[in-house]
Amino acid sequence: VTSSWEVVAHEGGHALHHELKPHIVRVPNEVHGFGTWGESFGDQVAMWTSLTDLNRVRELLSHTGGDLKKTSPLTAMGEVLATLSGEGTGIRDAYQDKKISTTDAEIHERSEVLTGAAYNVLQGIYRGLLADPAMQRQHGARLPLWAMTQAGDIMGKFMVRAADYTPETQVTLEDVGKACLSVDREYFGGAYHDLWARELET
């Protein structure tokens, strides 16, 4: 279900990531560092920006019936470089339960761990918004559409603002996880701490 839109968004995500962290020192064959984060960052750019398009959100909700626990147009990712270079796979899916211990040490493969964790956090945020009585009263039948776009906006803030809380020259996935907790504390008052902590522990 991936399309050229996701491919372009992913590659554009790399450009944004490098602008956010211009002083990064790349480490050859890095497994847990900037390159791995970068592949997840590109996938997340494609995911969260797609949720700013109401037509895409409607398509997603129609495709899933509101059940995000399945592969969908949101979770399927495609990218050019991995396919052309033969490094990893150009096709990935955010809906999975991969862990560092169960993934290959290649950056495209390993990035799925962080992407899957972020997707699970999105699901938790979305469910929380749907269950909020105040939001139910305010948005009525349009609540799923609003909740999905709102959850995407929140995840976009996590994705971009994490760069503010990570080291400037060398980064590990642990640094990225800690940065997400810092973003949650500073921007959301710790509202999503438990969601992130659960994902980062597994």
C-alpha atoms as a PDB file:
ATOM      1  CA  VAL A   1       0.000   0.000   0.000  1.00  0.00           C
ATOM      2  CA  THR A   2       3.009   2.310  -0.033  1.00  0.00           C
ATOM      3  CA  SER A   3       3.183   4.944  -2.773  1.00  0.00           C
ATOM      4  CA  SER A   4       5.559   7.433  -4.351  1.00  0.00           C
ATOM      5  CA  TRP A   5       4.331  10.007  -1.823  1.00  0.00           C
ATOM      6  CA  GLU A   6       5.804   8.013   1.073  1.00  0.00           C
ATOM      7  CA  VAL A   7       9.050   7.512  -0.829  1.00  0.00           C
ATOM      8  CA  VAL A   8       9.485  11.255  -1.415  1.00  0.00           C
ATOM      9  CA  ALA A   9       8.450  12.114   2.148  1.00  0.00           C
ATOM     10  CA  HIS A  10      10.980   9.643   3.560  1.00  0.00           C
ATOM     11  CA  GLU A  11      13.840  11.061   1.516  1.00  0.00           C
ATOM     12  CA  GLY A  12      12.772  14.600   2.394  1.00  0.00           C
ATOM     13  CA  GLY A  13      12.869  13.516   6.022  1.00  0.00           C
ATOM     14  CA  HIS A  14      16.574  12.777   5.669  1.00  0.00           C
ATOM     15  CA  ALA A  15      17.171  16.328   4.455  1.00  0.00           C
ATOM     16  CA  LEU A  16      15.250  17.754   7.422  1.00  0.00           C
ATOM     17  CA  HIS A  17      17.074  15.491   9.867  1.00  0.00           C
ATOM     18  CA  HIS A  18      20.471  16.667   8.645  1.00  0.00           C
ATOM     19  CA  GLU A  19      19.384  20.295   8.981  1.00  0.00           C
ATOM     20  CA  LEU A  20      18.287  19.667  12.560  1.00  0.00           C
ATOM     21  CA  LYS A  21      21.578  17.945  13.459  1.00  0.00           C
ATOM     22  CA  PRO A  22      24.204  19.599  11.189  1.00  0.00           C
ATOM     23  CA  HIS A  23      27.216  18.742  13.362  1.00  0.00           C
ATOM     24  CA  ILE A  24      26.709  14.998  13.532  1.00  0.00           C
ATOM     25  CA  VAL A  25      29.861  12.933  13.053  1.00  0.00           C
ATOM     26  CA  ARG A  26      28.930   9.828  11.097  1.00  0.00           C
ATOM     27  CA  VAL A  27      30.382   6.566  12.382  1.00  0.00           C
ATOM     28  CA  PRO A  28      31.085   3.843   9.758  1.00  0.00           C
ATOM     29  CA  ASN A  29      28.823   0.805  10.078  1.00  0.00           C
ATOM     30  CA  GLU A  30      26.954   2.371  12.982  1.00  0.00           C
ATOM     31  CA  VAL A  31      24.141   0.227  14.296  1.00  0.00           C
ATOM     32  CA  HIS A  32      22.611   2.237  17.115  1.00  0.00           C
ATOM     33  CA  GLY A  33      23.402   5.793  16.039  1.00  0.00           C
ATOM     34  CA  PHE A  34      22.397   8.648  13.798  1.00  0.00           C
ATOM     35  CA  GLY A  35      21.952   6.542  10.664  1.00  0.00           C
ATOM     36  CA  THR A  36      19.484   4.210  12.354  1.00  0.00           C
ATOM     37  CA  TRP A  37      17.615   7.139  13.876  1.00  0.00           C
ATOM     38  CA  GLY A  38      17.650   8.800  10.465  1.00  0.00           C
ATOM     39  CA  GLU A  39      15.895   5.903   8.749  1.00  0.00           C
ATOM     40  CA  SER A  40      13.189   5.954  11.394  1.00  0.00           C
ATOM     41  CA  PHE A  41      13.024   9.750  11.196  1.00  0.00           C
ATOM     42  CA  GLY A  42      12.397   9.556   7.451  1.00  0.00           C
ATOM     43  CA  ASP A  43       9.670   6.962   7.910  1.00  0.00           C
ATOM     44  CA  GLN A  44       8.063   9.045  10.637  1.00  0.00           C
ATOM     45  CA  VAL A  45       8.103  12.172   8.462  1.00  0.00           C
ATOM     46  CA  ALA A  46       6.087  10.213   5.914  1.00  0.00           C
ATOM     47  CA  MET A  47       3.703   8.884   8.549  1.00  0.00           C
ATOM     48  CA  TRP A  48       2.973  12.006  10.552  1.00  0.00           C
ATOM     49  CA  THR A  49       2.824  14.448   7.648  1.00  0.00           C
ATOM     50  CA  SER A  50       0.336  12.160   5.890  1.00  0.00           C
ATOM     51  CA  LEU A  51      -2.003  12.750   8.830  1.00  0.00           C
ATOM     52  CA  THR A  52      -2.193  16.458   7.984  1.00  0.00           C
ATOM     53  CA  ASP A  53      -4.127  15.515   4.819  1.00  0.00           C
ATOM     54  CA  LEU A  54      -7.762  14.957   5.791  1.00  0.00           C
ATOM     55  CA  ASN A  55      -8.427  12.875   2.690  1.00  0.00           C
ATOM     56  CA  ARG A  56      -5.592  10.531   3.663  1.00  0.00           C
ATOM     57  CA  VAL A  57      -6.932  10.344   7.213  1.00  0.00           C
ATOM     58  CA  ARG A  58     -10.402   9.478   5.941  1.00  0.00           C
ATOM     59  CA  GLU A  59      -8.888   6.795   3.720  1.00  0.00           C
ATOM     60  CA  LEU A  60      -6.939   5.424   6.668  1.00  0.00           C
ATOM     61  CA  LEU A  61      -9.990   5.282   8.928  1.00  0.00           C
ATOM     62  CA  SER A  62     -12.024   3.642   6.174  1.00  0.00           C
ATOM     63  CA  HIS A  63      -9.275   1.105   5.449  1.00  0.00           C
ATOM     64  CA  THR A  64      -8.800   0.148   9.106  1.00  0.00           C
ATOM     65  CA  GLY A  65     -12.299   0.665  10.442  1.00  0.00           C
ATOM     66  CA  GLY A  66     -10.579   2.687  13.166  1.00  0.00           C
ATOM     67  CA  ASP A  67      -8.502  -0.311  14.257  1.00  0.00           C
ATOM     68  CA  LEU A  68      -4.853   0.723  14.016  1.00  0.00           C
ATOM     69  CA  LYS A  69      -3.594  -2.731  14.953  1.00  0.00           C
ATOM     70  CA  LYS A  70      -3.020  -3.763  11.356  1.00  0.00           C
ATOM     71  CA  THR A  71      -0.949  -2.860   8.323  1.00  0.00           C
ATOM     72  CA  SER A  72      -2.437   0.159   6.590  1.00  0.00           C
ATOM     73  CA  PRO A  73      -1.647   3.017   4.218  1.00  0.00           C
ATOM     74  CA  LEU A  74      -0.151   4.786   7.260  1.00  0.00           C
ATOM     75  CA  THR A  75       2.232   2.022   8.320  1.00  0.00           C
ATOM     76  CA  ALA A  76       3.625   0.896   4.955  1.00  0.00           C
ATOM     77  CA  MET A  77       6.862   2.636   4.024  1.00  0.00           C
ATOM     78  CA  GLY A  78       8.876   2.711   0.831  1.00  0.00           C
ATOM     79  CA  GLU A  79      12.262   4.245   0.160  1.00  0.00           C
ATOM     80  CA  VAL A  80      14.577   4.612  -2.794  1.00  0.00           C
ATOM     81  CA  LEU A  81      18.123   4.409  -1.459  1.00  0.00           C
ATOM     82  CA  ALA A  82      17.870   1.053   0.302  1.00  0.00           C
ATOM     83  CA  THR A  83      16.523  -0.554  -2.839  1.00  0.00           C
ATOM     84  CA  LEU A  84      19.119   1.030  -5.118  1.00  0.00           C
ATOM     85  CA  SER A  85      22.089   0.344  -2.849  1.00  0.00           C
ATOM     86  CA  GLY A  86      21.040  -3.127  -1.794  1.00  0.00           C
ATOM     87  CA  GLU A  87      21.445  -2.135   1.868  1.00  0.00           C
ATOM     88  CA  GLY A  88      18.444  -3.366   3.782  1.00  0.00           C
ATOM     89  CA  THR A  89      14.956  -3.326   2.394  1.00  0.00           C
ATOM     90  CA  GLY A  90      13.176  -0.448   0.743  1.00  0.00           C
ATOM     91  CA  ILE A  91       9.854  -1.698   2.072  1.00  0.00           C
ATOM     92  CA  ARG A  92       9.092  -1.506   5.782  1.00  0.00           C
ATOM     93  CA  ASP A  93       6.031  -1.566   8.014  1.00  0.00           C
ATOM     94  CA  ALA A  94       5.542   0.345  11.264  1.00  0.00           C
ATOM     95  CA  TYR A  95       2.998  -2.173  12.509  1.00  0.00           C
ATOM     96  CA  GLN A  96       5.210  -4.852  14.021  1.00  0.00           C
ATOM     97  CA  ASP A  97       6.781  -5.806  17.339  1.00  0.00           C
ATOM     98  CA  LYS A  98      10.445  -5.856  16.389  1.00  0.00           C
ATOM     99  CA  LYS A  99      13.094  -5.398  19.058  1.00  0.00           C
ATOM    100  CA  ILE A 100      16.810  -4.690  18.950  1.00  0.00           C
ATOM    101  CA  SER A 101      17.407  -8.312  19.931  1.00  0.00           C
ATOM    102  CA  THR A 102      15.351  -9.607  17.001  1.00  0.00           C
ATOM    103  CA  THR A 103      16.549  -7.339  14.184  1.00  0.00           C
ATOM    104  CA  ASP A 104      19.541  -7.405  11.901  1.00  0.00           C
ATOM    105  CA  ALA A 105      22.324  -4.923  12.653  1.00  0.00           C
ATOM    106  CA  GLU A 106      21.803  -3.056   9.359  1.00  0.00           C
ATOM    107  CA  ILE A 107      20.476   0.491   9.869  1.00  0.00           C
ATOM    108  CA  HIS A 108      17.332   0.164   7.747  1.00  0.00           C
ATOM    109  CA  GLU A 109      16.344  -3.036   9.535  1.00  0.00           C
ATOM    110  CA  ARG A 110      17.219  -1.745  12.996  1.00  0.00           C
ATOM    111  CA  SER A 111      15.299   1.493  12.429  1.00  0.00           C
ATOM    112  CA  GLU A 112      12.044  -0.451  12.421  1.00  0.00           C
ATOM    113  CA  VAL A 113      12.403  -0.894  16.181  1.00  0.00           C
ATOM    114  CA  LEU A 114      12.144   2.853  16.812  1.00  0.00           C
ATOM    115  CA  THR A 115       9.481   3.348  14.143  1.00  0.00           C
ATOM    116  CA  GLY A 116       7.359   0.556  15.595  1.00  0.00           C
ATOM    117  CA  ALA A 117       7.689   2.049  19.068  1.00  0.00           C
ATOM    118  CA  ALA A 118       6.610   5.469  17.796  1.00  0.00           C
ATOM    119  CA  TYR A 119       3.634   3.927  15.993  1.00  0.00           C
ATOM    120  CA  ASN A 120       2.561   2.209  19.200  1.00  0.00           C
ATOM    121  CA  VAL A 121       2.751   5.545  21.017  1.00  0.00           C
ATOM    122  CA  LEU A 122       0.565   7.062  18.285  1.00  0.00           C
ATOM    123  CA  GLN A 123      -2.008   4.331  18.875  1.00  0.00           C
ATOM    124  CA  GLY A 124      -2.029   5.050  22.592  1.00  0.00           C
ATOM    125  CA  ILE A 125      -2.462   8.787  22.054  1.00  0.00           C
ATOM    126  CA  TYR A 126      -5.275   8.176  19.560  1.00  0.00           C
ATOM    127  CA  ARG A 127      -7.121   5.807  21.912  1.00  0.00           C
ATOM    128  CA  GLY A 128      -6.752   8.305  24.753  1.00  0.00           C
ATOM    129  CA  LEU A 129      -8.269  11.102  22.690  1.00  0.00           C
ATOM    130  CA  LEU A 130     -11.166   8.893  21.604  1.00  0.00           C
ATOM    131  CA  ALA A 131     -11.900   7.963  25.225  1.00  0.00           C
ATOM    132  CA  ASP A 132     -11.854  11.554  26.514  1.00  0.00           C
ATOM    133  CA  PRO A 133     -15.459  12.574  27.368  1.00  0.00           C
ATOM    134  CA  ALA A 134     -14.695  16.258  26.769  1.00  0.00           C
ATOM    135  CA  MET A 135     -13.401  15.469  23.276  1.00  0.00           C
ATOM    136  CA  GLN A 136     -16.422  13.271  22.613  1.00  0.00           C
ATOM    137  CA  ARG A 137     -18.756  16.142  23.468  1.00  0.00           C
ATOM    138  CA  GLN A 138     -16.748  18.682  21.493  1.00  0.00           C
ATOM    139  CA  HIS A 139     -16.219  16.716  18.277  1.00  0.00           C
ATOM    140  CA  GLY A 140     -19.105  14.244  18.183  1.00  0.00           C
ATOM    141  CA  ALA A 141     -19.134  12.029  15.098  1.00  0.00           C
ATOM    142  CA  ARG A 142     -16.020  13.766  13.755  1.00  0.00           C
ATOM    143  CA  LEU A 143     -13.968  12.677  16.763  1.00  0.00           C
ATOM    144  CA  PRO A 144     -12.015   9.856  15.014  1.00  0.00           C
ATOM    145  CA  LEU A 145     -10.954  12.225  12.218  1.00  0.00           C
ATOM    146  CA  TRP A 146      -9.914  14.943  14.672  1.00  0.00           C
ATOM    147  CA  ALA A 147      -8.213  12.501  17.055  1.00  0.00           C
ATOM    148  CA  MET A 148      -6.119  10.988  14.280  1.00  0.00           C
ATOM    149  CA  THR A 149      -4.921  14.357  12.985  1.00  0.00           C
ATOM    150  CA  GLN A 150      -4.245  15.530  16.549  1.00  0.00           C
ATOM    151  CA  ALA A 151      -2.286  12.368  17.371  1.00  0.00           C
ATOM    152  CA  GLY A 152      -0.235  12.845  14.209  1.00  0.00           C
ATOM    153  CA  ASP A 153       0.512  16.441  15.180  1.00  0.00           C
ATOM    154  CA  ILE A 154       1.672  15.342  18.628  1.00  0.00           C
ATOM    155  CA  MET A 155       3.925  12.666  17.143  1.00  0.00           C
ATOM    156  CA  GLY A 156       5.368  15.220  14.726  1.00  0.00           C
ATOM    157  CA  LYS A 157       6.371  17.359  17.689  1.00  0.00           C
ATOM    158  CA  PHE A 158       8.040  14.367  19.341  1.00  0.00           C
ATOM    159  CA  MET A 159       9.907  13.567  16.130  1.00  0.00           C
ATOM    160  CA  VAL A 160      11.246  17.066  15.465  1.00  0.00           C
ATOM    161  CA  ARG A 161      11.771  18.292  19.028  1.00  0.00           C
ATOM    162  CA  ALA A 162      13.744  15.187  19.991  1.00  0.00           C
ATOM    163  CA  ALA A 163      16.588  16.736  18.002  1.00  0.00           C
ATOM    164  CA  ASP A 164      16.750  19.523  20.599  1.00  0.00           C
ATOM    165  CA  TYR A 165      17.509  17.055  23.381  1.00  0.00           C
ATOM    166  CA  THR A 166      20.066  14.794  21.709  1.00  0.00           C
ATOM    167  CA  PRO A 167      23.867  15.289  21.555  1.00  0.00           C
ATOM    168  CA  GLU A 168      25.151  17.388  18.686  1.00  0.00           C
ATOM    169  CA  THR A 169      27.977  15.197  17.356  1.00  0.00           C
ATOM    170  CA  GLN A 170      27.197  11.542  18.066  1.00  0.00           C
ATOM    171  CA  VAL A 171      23.837  10.013  18.927  1.00  0.00           C
ATOM    172  CA  THR A 172      22.673   6.608  20.136  1.00  0.00           C
ATOM    173  CA  LEU A 173      19.150   5.177  20.104  1.00  0.00           C
ATOM    174  CA  GLU A 174      19.234   5.446  23.887  1.00  0.00           C
ATOM    175  CA  ASP A 175      19.815   9.190  23.477  1.00  0.00           C
ATOM    176  CA  VAL A 176      16.789   9.390  21.185  1.00  0.00           C
ATOM    177  CA  GLY A 177      14.621   7.529  23.690  1.00  0.00           C
ATOM    178  CA  LYS A 178      15.674   9.866  26.495  1.00  0.00           C
ATOM    179  CA  ALA A 179      15.008  12.828  24.220  1.00  0.00           C
ATOM    180  CA  CYS A 180      11.431  11.670  23.612  1.00  0.00           C
ATOM    181  CA  LEU A 181      10.886  11.551  27.377  1.00  0.00           C
ATOM    182  CA  SER A 182      12.309  15.068  27.645  1.00  0.00           C
ATOM    183  CA  VAL A 183       9.984  16.326  24.900  1.00  0.00           C
ATOM    184  CA  ASP A 184       7.056  14.741  26.716  1.00  0.00           C
ATOM    185  CA  ARG A 185       8.013  16.458  29.970  1.00  0.00           C
ATOM    186  CA  GLU A 186       8.672  19.879  28.425  1.00  0.00           C
ATOM    187  CA  TYR A 187       5.839  20.075  25.882  1.00  0.00           C
ATOM    188  CA  PHE A 188       3.129  17.755  27.219  1.00  0.00           C
ATOM    189  CA  GLY A 189       3.612  17.821  30.980  1.00  0.00           C
ATOM    190  CA  GLY A 190       4.508  14.130  31.062  1.00  0.00           C
ATOM    191  CA  ALA A 191       1.129  13.076  29.658  1.00  0.00           C
ATOM    192  CA  TYR A 192       2.661  10.382  27.453  1.00  0.00           C
ATOM    193  CA  HIS A 193       5.505   9.263  29.706  1.00  0.00           C
ATOM    194  CA  ASP A 194       4.036   5.830  30.391  1.00  0.00           C
ATOM    195  CA  LEU A 195       3.395   5.177  26.689  1.00  0.00           C
ATOM    196  CA  TRP A 196       6.994   5.972  25.799  1.00  0.00           C
ATOM    197  CA  ALA A 197       8.477   4.209  28.826  1.00  0.00           C
ATOM    198  CA  ARG A 198       6.640   1.007  27.962  1.00  0.00           C
ATOM    199  CA  GLU A 199       7.933   1.074  24.398  1.00  0.00           C
ATOM    200  CA  LEU A 200      11.478   2.009  25.344  1.00  0.00           C
ATOM    201  CA  GLU A 201      11.713  -0.806  27.884  1.00  0.00           C
ATOM    202  CA  THR A 202      10.849  -3.539  25.368  1.00  0.00           C
END
